[in-house]
């Protein structure tokens, strides 16, 4: 119940307690037991330090002795949301749909032209632009924008795919007008301050260094080039 969750949270998730977890590969787990909490050191500033949990090797029962998977339940009725569409005075196409009973609304601005429109020698420009948009705009700094979004209970961001660039915001329905106004200021008056561009450039390089160690990521890059060659779809986004 909700009361159970709150009771456990009050007991363990306190400001005076630290919980440390170590993730070990299988070779390091074998034959080890969890240390005795009574023998663990105590951090006087943070209270008792909980020992790291060391998992024992998984032992699976034979196939025929395992608990069977749960059977499917009855199909739930589903009604697709009804879409309404109109052209705004500025010729923008507006599409609206109600998809949930929750008091939450989201707005997405979708611009034609994404990563496929990047200059051939500079892939990634659209993605960087989208990620930078809320890092300062309309006279507001990045922290000020973040604080304003937080005060509205809103989540916002931007991204680019091959064919479009998207800016979005989601907020409680009661705040969606103010959240939409914030999104409009960011989209129409982004600052692209030099220090923010440089910070995002460094972050992008760090992410790329990590991603290039991921075989799946490298495979996607190579596959795109193999399929599309020098065409825009063959470039990394």
C-alpha atoms as a PDB file:
ATOM      1  CA  UNK A   1       0.000   0.000   0.000  1.00  0.00           C
ATOM      2  CA  UNK A   2       0.976   3.632  -0.194  1.00  0.00           C
ATOM      3  CA  UNK A   3       1.403   3.648   3.579  1.00  0.00           C
ATOM      4  CA  UNK A   4       3.865   0.736   3.354  1.00  0.00           C
ATOM      5  CA  UNK A   5       5.977   2.564   0.783  1.00  0.00           C
ATOM      6  CA  UNK A   6       5.992   5.722   2.906  1.00  0.00           C
ATOM      7  CA  UNK A   7       6.886   3.791   6.057  1.00  0.00           C
ATOM      8  CA  UNK A   8       9.876   2.098   4.414  1.00  0.00           C
ATOM      9  CA  UNK A   9      11.008   5.357   2.781  1.00  0.00           C
ATOM     10  CA  UNK A  10      10.950   7.139   6.149  1.00  0.00           C
ATOM     11  CA  UNK A  11      13.013   4.347   7.671  1.00  0.00           C
ATOM     12  CA  UNK A  12      15.735   4.053   5.030  1.00  0.00           C
ATOM     13  CA  UNK A  13      15.737   7.105   2.753  1.00  0.00           C
ATOM     14  CA  UNK A  14      16.904   9.621   5.325  1.00  0.00           C
ATOM     15  CA  UNK A  15      19.436  12.440   5.131  1.00  0.00           C
ATOM     16  CA  UNK A  16      21.633  10.712   7.737  1.00  0.00           C
ATOM     17  CA  UNK A  17      21.982   7.403   5.889  1.00  0.00           C
ATOM     18  CA  UNK A  18      24.176   6.420   2.991  1.00  0.00           C
ATOM     19  CA  UNK A  19      23.534   3.308   0.908  1.00  0.00           C
ATOM     20  CA  UNK A  20      26.435   2.077  -1.221  1.00  0.00           C
ATOM     21  CA  UNK A  21      26.004  -0.512  -3.968  1.00  0.00           C
ATOM     22  CA  UNK A  22      28.836  -2.157  -5.871  1.00  0.00           C
ATOM     23  CA  UNK A  23      28.168  -3.919  -9.154  1.00  0.00           C
ATOM     24  CA  UNK A  24      30.499  -6.870  -9.663  1.00  0.00           C
ATOM     25  CA  UNK A  25      30.829  -9.139 -12.641  1.00  0.00           C
ATOM     26  CA  UNK A  26      30.061 -12.814 -12.184  1.00  0.00           C
ATOM     27  CA  UNK A  27      33.676 -13.852 -11.636  1.00  0.00           C
ATOM     28  CA  UNK A  28      33.984 -11.526  -8.657  1.00  0.00           C
ATOM     29  CA  UNK A  29      30.745 -12.660  -7.019  1.00  0.00           C
ATOM     30  CA  UNK A  30      31.419 -16.385  -6.821  1.00  0.00           C
ATOM     31  CA  UNK A  31      31.896 -17.722  -3.305  1.00  0.00           C
ATOM     32  CA  UNK A  32      31.540 -14.371  -1.569  1.00  0.00           C
ATOM     33  CA  UNK A  33      29.007 -13.537   1.081  1.00  0.00           C
ATOM     34  CA  UNK A  34      27.647 -10.181   2.098  1.00  0.00           C
ATOM     35  CA  UNK A  35      29.729  -8.647   4.902  1.00  0.00           C
ATOM     36  CA  UNK A  36      28.310  -8.420   8.399  1.00  0.00           C
ATOM     37  CA  UNK A  37      26.875  -4.918   8.992  1.00  0.00           C
ATOM     38  CA  UNK A  38      28.151  -5.030  12.574  1.00  0.00           C
ATOM     39  CA  UNK A  39      31.755  -5.165  11.331  1.00  0.00           C
ATOM     40  CA  UNK A  40      31.433  -2.308   8.851  1.00  0.00           C
ATOM     41  CA  UNK A  41      32.909   1.131   9.516  1.00  0.00           C
ATOM     42  CA  UNK A  42      30.649   3.955  10.594  1.00  0.00           C
ATOM     43  CA  UNK A  43      30.772   7.383   8.982  1.00  0.00           C
ATOM     44  CA  UNK A  44      30.100   9.811  11.808  1.00  0.00           C
ATOM     45  CA  UNK A  45      28.947  12.534   9.437  1.00  0.00           C
ATOM     46  CA  UNK A  46      26.442  10.414   7.575  1.00  0.00           C
ATOM     47  CA  UNK A  47      25.482   7.815  10.157  1.00  0.00           C
ATOM     48  CA  UNK A  48      25.874   4.052   9.668  1.00  0.00           C
ATOM     49  CA  UNK A  49      27.317   2.996   6.336  1.00  0.00           C
ATOM     50  CA  UNK A  50      25.416   0.074   4.859  1.00  0.00           C
ATOM     51  CA  UNK A  51      27.608  -2.662   3.369  1.00  0.00           C
ATOM     52  CA  UNK A  52      27.706  -3.225  -0.342  1.00  0.00           C
ATOM     53  CA  UNK A  53      25.394  -6.002  -1.455  1.00  0.00           C
ATOM     54  CA  UNK A  54      27.331  -8.806  -3.114  1.00  0.00           C
ATOM     55  CA  UNK A  55      25.021 -11.101  -5.022  1.00  0.00           C
ATOM     56  CA  UNK A  56      25.562 -14.827  -4.989  1.00  0.00           C
ATOM     57  CA  UNK A  57      25.740 -16.591  -8.361  1.00  0.00           C
ATOM     58  CA  UNK A  58      22.337 -17.200  -9.882  1.00  0.00           C
ATOM     59  CA  UNK A  59      21.213 -20.838  -9.753  1.00  0.00           C
ATOM     60  CA  UNK A  60      18.362 -21.736 -12.090  1.00  0.00           C
ATOM     61  CA  UNK A  61      16.077 -24.689 -11.620  1.00  0.00           C
ATOM     62  CA  UNK A  62      15.761 -27.119 -14.522  1.00  0.00           C
ATOM     63  CA  UNK A  63      13.397 -26.005 -17.249  1.00  0.00           C
ATOM     64  CA  UNK A  64      10.554 -28.298 -16.184  1.00  0.00           C
ATOM     65  CA  UNK A  65      10.757 -27.215 -12.530  1.00  0.00           C
ATOM     66  CA  UNK A  66      10.568 -23.489 -13.012  1.00  0.00           C
ATOM     67  CA  UNK A  67       7.518 -21.442 -12.167  1.00  0.00           C
ATOM     68  CA  UNK A  68       5.422 -21.051 -15.310  1.00  0.00           C
ATOM     69  CA  UNK A  69       5.113 -17.623 -16.856  1.00  0.00           C
ATOM     70  CA  UNK A  70       1.815 -15.875 -16.066  1.00  0.00           C
ATOM     71  CA  UNK A  71      -0.923 -16.360 -18.622  1.00  0.00           C
ATOM     72  CA  UNK A  72      -2.191 -13.364 -20.587  1.00  0.00           C
ATOM     73  CA  UNK A  73      -5.069 -11.490 -19.020  1.00  0.00           C
ATOM     74  CA  UNK A  74      -8.198 -10.495 -20.878  1.00  0.00           C
ATOM     75  CA  UNK A  75      -7.707  -7.886 -23.549  1.00  0.00           C
ATOM     76  CA  UNK A  76      -8.403  -4.374 -22.342  1.00  0.00           C
ATOM     77  CA  UNK A  77     -10.669  -2.174 -24.447  1.00  0.00           C
ATOM     78  CA  UNK A  78      -8.858   0.531 -26.333  1.00  0.00           C
ATOM     79  CA  UNK A  79     -10.243   3.562 -28.069  1.00  0.00           C
ATOM     80  CA  UNK A  80      -7.840   5.461 -30.274  1.00  0.00           C
ATOM     81  CA  UNK A  81      -7.717   9.195 -29.525  1.00  0.00           C
ATOM     82  CA  UNK A  82      -9.634  11.495 -31.854  1.00  0.00           C
ATOM     83  CA  UNK A  83      -7.443  13.976 -33.691  1.00  0.00           C
ATOM     84  CA  UNK A  84      -8.441  17.546 -34.489  1.00  0.00           C
ATOM     85  CA  UNK A  85      -6.469  19.566 -37.006  1.00  0.00           C
ATOM     86  CA  UNK A  86      -6.474  23.175 -38.127  1.00  0.00           C
ATOM     87  CA  UNK A  87      -4.276  25.796 -39.741  1.00  0.00           C
ATOM     88  CA  UNK A  88      -3.232  28.668 -37.529  1.00  0.00           C
ATOM     89  CA  UNK A  89      -3.159  32.260 -38.726  1.00  0.00           C
ATOM     90  CA  UNK A  90       0.598  31.977 -39.339  1.00  0.00           C
ATOM     91  CA  UNK A  91      -0.022  28.898 -41.540  1.00  0.00           C
ATOM     92  CA  UNK A  92       1.329  26.481 -38.947  1.00  0.00           C
ATOM     93  CA  UNK A  93      -0.443  23.138 -38.925  1.00  0.00           C
ATOM     94  CA  UNK A  94      -1.874  22.304 -35.499  1.00  0.00           C
ATOM     95  CA  UNK A  95      -2.813  18.763 -34.500  1.00  0.00           C
ATOM     96  CA  UNK A  96      -4.443  18.067 -31.143  1.00  0.00           C
ATOM     97  CA  UNK A  97      -5.434  14.802 -29.477  1.00  0.00           C
ATOM     98  CA  UNK A  98      -6.478  13.761 -26.015  1.00  0.00           C
ATOM     99  CA  UNK A  99      -4.751  10.498 -25.176  1.00  0.00           C
ATOM    100  CA  UNK A 100      -5.058  10.230 -21.393  1.00  0.00           C
ATOM    101  CA  UNK A 101      -7.254  11.226 -18.498  1.00  0.00           C
ATOM    102  CA  UNK A 102      -4.236  12.454 -16.544  1.00  0.00           C
ATOM    103  CA  UNK A 103      -4.102  16.230 -15.982  1.00  0.00           C
ATOM    104  CA  UNK A 104      -0.938  16.541 -18.076  1.00  0.00           C
ATOM    105  CA  UNK A 105      -0.482  18.244 -21.430  1.00  0.00           C
ATOM    106  CA  UNK A 106       2.402  18.231 -23.881  1.00  0.00           C
ATOM    107  CA  UNK A 107       3.248  20.437 -26.823  1.00  0.00           C
ATOM    108  CA  UNK A 108       5.606  19.473 -29.630  1.00  0.00           C
ATOM    109  CA  UNK A 109       6.916  21.846 -32.272  1.00  0.00           C
ATOM    110  CA  UNK A 110       8.084  19.869 -35.300  1.00  0.00           C
ATOM    111  CA  UNK A 111      10.189  21.636 -37.926  1.00  0.00           C
ATOM    112  CA  UNK A 112      10.854  20.166 -41.330  1.00  0.00           C
ATOM    113  CA  UNK A 113      14.560  19.652 -41.871  1.00  0.00           C
ATOM    114  CA  UNK A 114      16.643  17.609 -39.460  1.00  0.00           C
ATOM    115  CA  UNK A 115      19.985  15.870 -39.533  1.00  0.00           C
ATOM    116  CA  UNK A 116      19.632  15.077 -43.227  1.00  0.00           C
ATOM    117  CA  UNK A 117      19.904  18.817 -43.888  1.00  0.00           C
ATOM    118  CA  UNK A 118      23.271  19.086 -42.111  1.00  0.00           C
ATOM    119  CA  UNK A 119      26.192  20.209 -44.286  1.00  0.00           C
ATOM    120  CA  UNK A 120      27.987  17.126 -45.580  1.00  0.00           C
ATOM    121  CA  UNK A 121      31.231  18.139 -43.865  1.00  0.00           C
ATOM    122  CA  UNK A 122      29.529  19.019 -40.556  1.00  0.00           C
ATOM    123  CA  UNK A 123      27.176  16.242 -39.430  1.00  0.00           C
ATOM    124  CA  UNK A 124      25.531  16.745 -36.067  1.00  0.00           C
ATOM    125  CA  UNK A 125      24.713  20.454 -36.415  1.00  0.00           C
ATOM    126  CA  UNK A 126      20.938  19.958 -36.177  1.00  0.00           C
ATOM    127  CA  UNK A 127      21.234  17.762 -33.102  1.00  0.00           C
ATOM    128  CA  UNK A 128      23.525  20.244 -31.362  1.00  0.00           C
ATOM    129  CA  UNK A 129      21.222  23.138 -32.225  1.00  0.00           C
ATOM    130  CA  UNK A 130      18.232  21.303 -30.768  1.00  0.00           C
ATOM    131  CA  UNK A 131      20.041  20.420 -27.561  1.00  0.00           C
ATOM    132  CA  UNK A 132      21.316  23.996 -27.133  1.00  0.00           C
ATOM    133  CA  UNK A 133      18.017  25.812 -27.601  1.00  0.00           C
ATOM    134  CA  UNK A 134      17.032  25.826 -23.915  1.00  0.00           C
ATOM    135  CA  UNK A 135      20.552  26.732 -22.738  1.00  0.00           C
ATOM    136  CA  UNK A 136      19.750  30.427 -22.779  1.00  0.00           C
ATOM    137  CA  UNK A 137      17.086  32.373 -24.661  1.00  0.00           C
ATOM    138  CA  UNK A 138      15.090  35.592 -24.640  1.00  0.00           C
ATOM    139  CA  UNK A 139      17.341  37.194 -22.028  1.00  0.00           C
ATOM    140  CA  UNK A 140      17.159  34.177 -19.714  1.00  0.00           C
ATOM    141  CA  UNK A 141      20.183  32.097 -18.768  1.00  0.00           C
ATOM    142  CA  UNK A 142      20.149  28.306 -18.809  1.00  0.00           C
ATOM    143  CA  UNK A 143      19.706  28.109 -14.992  1.00  0.00           C
ATOM    144  CA  UNK A 144      16.862  30.635 -15.158  1.00  0.00           C
ATOM    145  CA  UNK A 145      15.101  28.612 -17.857  1.00  0.00           C
ATOM    146  CA  UNK A 146      15.554  25.435 -15.832  1.00  0.00           C
ATOM    147  CA  UNK A 147      14.217  27.127 -12.700  1.00  0.00           C
ATOM    148  CA  UNK A 148      11.198  28.472 -14.576  1.00  0.00           C
ATOM    149  CA  UNK A 149      10.426  25.041 -16.035  1.00  0.00           C
ATOM    150  CA  UNK A 150      10.793  23.445 -12.607  1.00  0.00           C
ATOM    151  CA  UNK A 151       8.423  25.981 -11.052  1.00  0.00           C
ATOM    152  CA  UNK A 152       5.822  24.943 -13.631  1.00  0.00           C
ATOM    153  CA  UNK A 153       6.399  21.244 -13.058  1.00  0.00           C
ATOM    154  CA  UNK A 154       7.458  21.041 -16.692  1.00  0.00           C
ATOM    155  CA  UNK A 155       9.867  18.874 -18.641  1.00  0.00           C
ATOM    156  CA  UNK A 156      11.320  20.228 -21.851  1.00  0.00           C
ATOM    157  CA  UNK A 157      13.959  19.507 -24.438  1.00  0.00           C
ATOM    158  CA  UNK A 158      14.770  19.176 -28.091  1.00  0.00           C
ATOM    159  CA  UNK A 159      16.166  16.648 -30.517  1.00  0.00           C
ATOM    160  CA  UNK A 160      16.712  16.111 -34.226  1.00  0.00           C
ATOM    161  CA  UNK A 161      16.089  13.022 -36.300  1.00  0.00           C
ATOM    162  CA  UNK A 162      16.825  12.598 -39.986  1.00  0.00           C
ATOM    163  CA  UNK A 163      13.825  14.516 -41.295  1.00  0.00           C
ATOM    164  CA  UNK A 164      12.772  16.923 -38.558  1.00  0.00           C
ATOM    165  CA  UNK A 165      13.850  18.942 -35.562  1.00  0.00           C
ATOM    166  CA  UNK A 166      11.614  18.857 -32.489  1.00  0.00           C
ATOM    167  CA  UNK A 167      11.205  21.070 -29.426  1.00  0.00           C
ATOM    168  CA  UNK A 168       8.785  19.926 -26.740  1.00  0.00           C
ATOM    169  CA  UNK A 169       7.434  20.704 -23.320  1.00  0.00           C
ATOM    170  CA  UNK A 170       5.132  18.775 -20.977  1.00  0.00           C
ATOM    171  CA  UNK A 171       3.481  20.177 -17.867  1.00  0.00           C
ATOM    172  CA  UNK A 172       0.405  19.897 -15.670  1.00  0.00           C
ATOM    173  CA  UNK A 173      -2.602  21.042 -17.656  1.00  0.00           C
ATOM    174  CA  UNK A 174      -3.104  24.012 -15.328  1.00  0.00           C
ATOM    175  CA  UNK A 175       0.361  25.309 -16.293  1.00  0.00           C
ATOM    176  CA  UNK A 176       0.472  24.429 -19.983  1.00  0.00           C
ATOM    177  CA  UNK A 177      -0.252  27.996 -21.142  1.00  0.00           C
ATOM    178  CA  UNK A 178       2.732  29.343 -19.206  1.00  0.00           C
ATOM    179  CA  UNK A 179       4.850  26.374 -20.270  1.00  0.00           C
ATOM    180  CA  UNK A 180       3.923  26.953 -23.909  1.00  0.00           C
ATOM    181  CA  UNK A 181       4.904  30.602 -23.593  1.00  0.00           C
ATOM    182  CA  UNK A 182       8.305  29.508 -22.254  1.00  0.00           C
ATOM    183  CA  UNK A 183       8.729  27.076 -25.144  1.00  0.00           C
ATOM    184  CA  UNK A 184       7.839  29.823 -27.610  1.00  0.00           C
ATOM    185  CA  UNK A 185      10.479  32.157 -26.187  1.00  0.00           C
ATOM    186  CA  UNK A 186      13.120  29.451 -26.391  1.00  0.00           C
ATOM    187  CA  UNK A 187      12.293  28.520 -29.980  1.00  0.00           C
ATOM    188  CA  UNK A 188      11.981  32.074 -31.276  1.00  0.00           C
ATOM    189  CA  UNK A 189      14.839  33.734 -29.371  1.00  0.00           C
ATOM    190  CA  UNK A 190      17.607  31.208 -28.624  1.00  0.00           C
ATOM    191  CA  UNK A 191      20.849  32.841 -27.504  1.00  0.00           C
ATOM    192  CA  UNK A 192      23.409  30.211 -28.552  1.00  0.00           C
ATOM    193  CA  UNK A 193      25.894  31.895 -26.218  1.00  0.00           C
ATOM    194  CA  UNK A 194      29.492  31.076 -27.024  1.00  0.00           C
ATOM    195  CA  UNK A 195      30.190  29.505 -23.628  1.00  0.00           C
ATOM    196  CA  UNK A 196      27.115  27.277 -23.928  1.00  0.00           C
ATOM    197  CA  UNK A 197      28.089  26.187 -27.439  1.00  0.00           C
ATOM    198  CA  UNK A 198      31.582  25.325 -26.235  1.00  0.00           C
ATOM    199  CA  UNK A 199      30.246  23.411 -23.239  1.00  0.00           C
ATOM    200  CA  UNK A 200      27.902  21.387 -25.452  1.00  0.00           C
ATOM    201  CA  UNK A 201      30.728  20.757 -27.931  1.00  0.00           C
ATOM    202  CA  UNK A 202      32.867  19.250 -25.163  1.00  0.00           C
ATOM    203  CA  UNK A 203      29.950  17.157 -23.911  1.00  0.00           C
ATOM    204  CA  UNK A 204      29.275  15.917 -27.430  1.00  0.00           C
ATOM    205  CA  UNK A 205      32.893  14.886 -27.869  1.00  0.00           C
ATOM    206  CA  UNK A 206      32.811  13.032 -24.541  1.00  0.00           C
ATOM    207  CA  UNK A 207      29.624  11.209 -25.537  1.00  0.00           C
ATOM    208  CA  UNK A 208      31.136  10.334 -28.893  1.00  0.00           C
ATOM    209  CA  UNK A 209      34.277   8.896 -27.288  1.00  0.00           C
ATOM    210  CA  UNK A 210      32.118   6.673 -25.105  1.00  0.00           C
ATOM    211  CA  UNK A 211      29.786   5.692 -27.950  1.00  0.00           C
ATOM    212  CA  UNK A 212      32.659   4.699 -30.230  1.00  0.00           C
ATOM    213  CA  UNK A 213      33.494   1.949 -27.724  1.00  0.00           C
ATOM    214  CA  UNK A 214      29.980   0.525 -28.160  1.00  0.00           C
ATOM    215  CA  UNK A 215      29.924  -2.055 -30.979  1.00  0.00           C
ATOM    216  CA  UNK A 216      26.205  -1.472 -31.544  1.00  0.00           C
ATOM    217  CA  UNK A 217      26.739   2.257 -32.090  1.00  0.00           C
ATOM    218  CA  UNK A 218      29.642   1.679 -34.470  1.00  0.00           C
ATOM    219  CA  UNK A 219      27.582  -0.916 -36.328  1.00  0.00           C
ATOM    220  CA  UNK A 220      24.797   1.614 -36.870  1.00  0.00           C
ATOM    221  CA  UNK A 221      27.244   4.147 -38.308  1.00  0.00           C
ATOM    222  CA  UNK A 222      28.780   1.605 -40.661  1.00  0.00           C
ATOM    223  CA  UNK A 223      25.386   0.210 -41.702  1.00  0.00           C
ATOM    224  CA  UNK A 224      24.079   3.693 -42.553  1.00  0.00           C
ATOM    225  CA  UNK A 225      27.097   4.357 -44.772  1.00  0.00           C
ATOM    226  CA  UNK A 226      26.775   0.969 -46.415  1.00  0.00           C
ATOM    227  CA  UNK A 227      23.093   1.532 -47.170  1.00  0.00           C
ATOM    228  CA  UNK A 228      23.073   5.191 -48.186  1.00  0.00           C
ATOM    229  CA  UNK A 229      26.666   5.954 -49.135  1.00  0.00           C
ATOM    230  CA  UNK A 230      27.352   9.684 -49.381  1.00  0.00           C
ATOM    231  CA  UNK A 231      23.634  10.593 -49.348  1.00  0.00           C
ATOM    232  CA  UNK A 232      22.431  12.591 -46.281  1.00  0.00           C
ATOM    233  CA  UNK A 233      20.888   9.514 -44.628  1.00  0.00           C
ATOM    234  CA  UNK A 234      24.346   7.922 -44.530  1.00  0.00           C
ATOM    235  CA  UNK A 235      25.782  10.602 -42.243  1.00  0.00           C
ATOM    236  CA  UNK A 236      25.682  10.323 -38.444  1.00  0.00           C
ATOM    237  CA  UNK A 237      23.029  12.449 -36.817  1.00  0.00           C
END
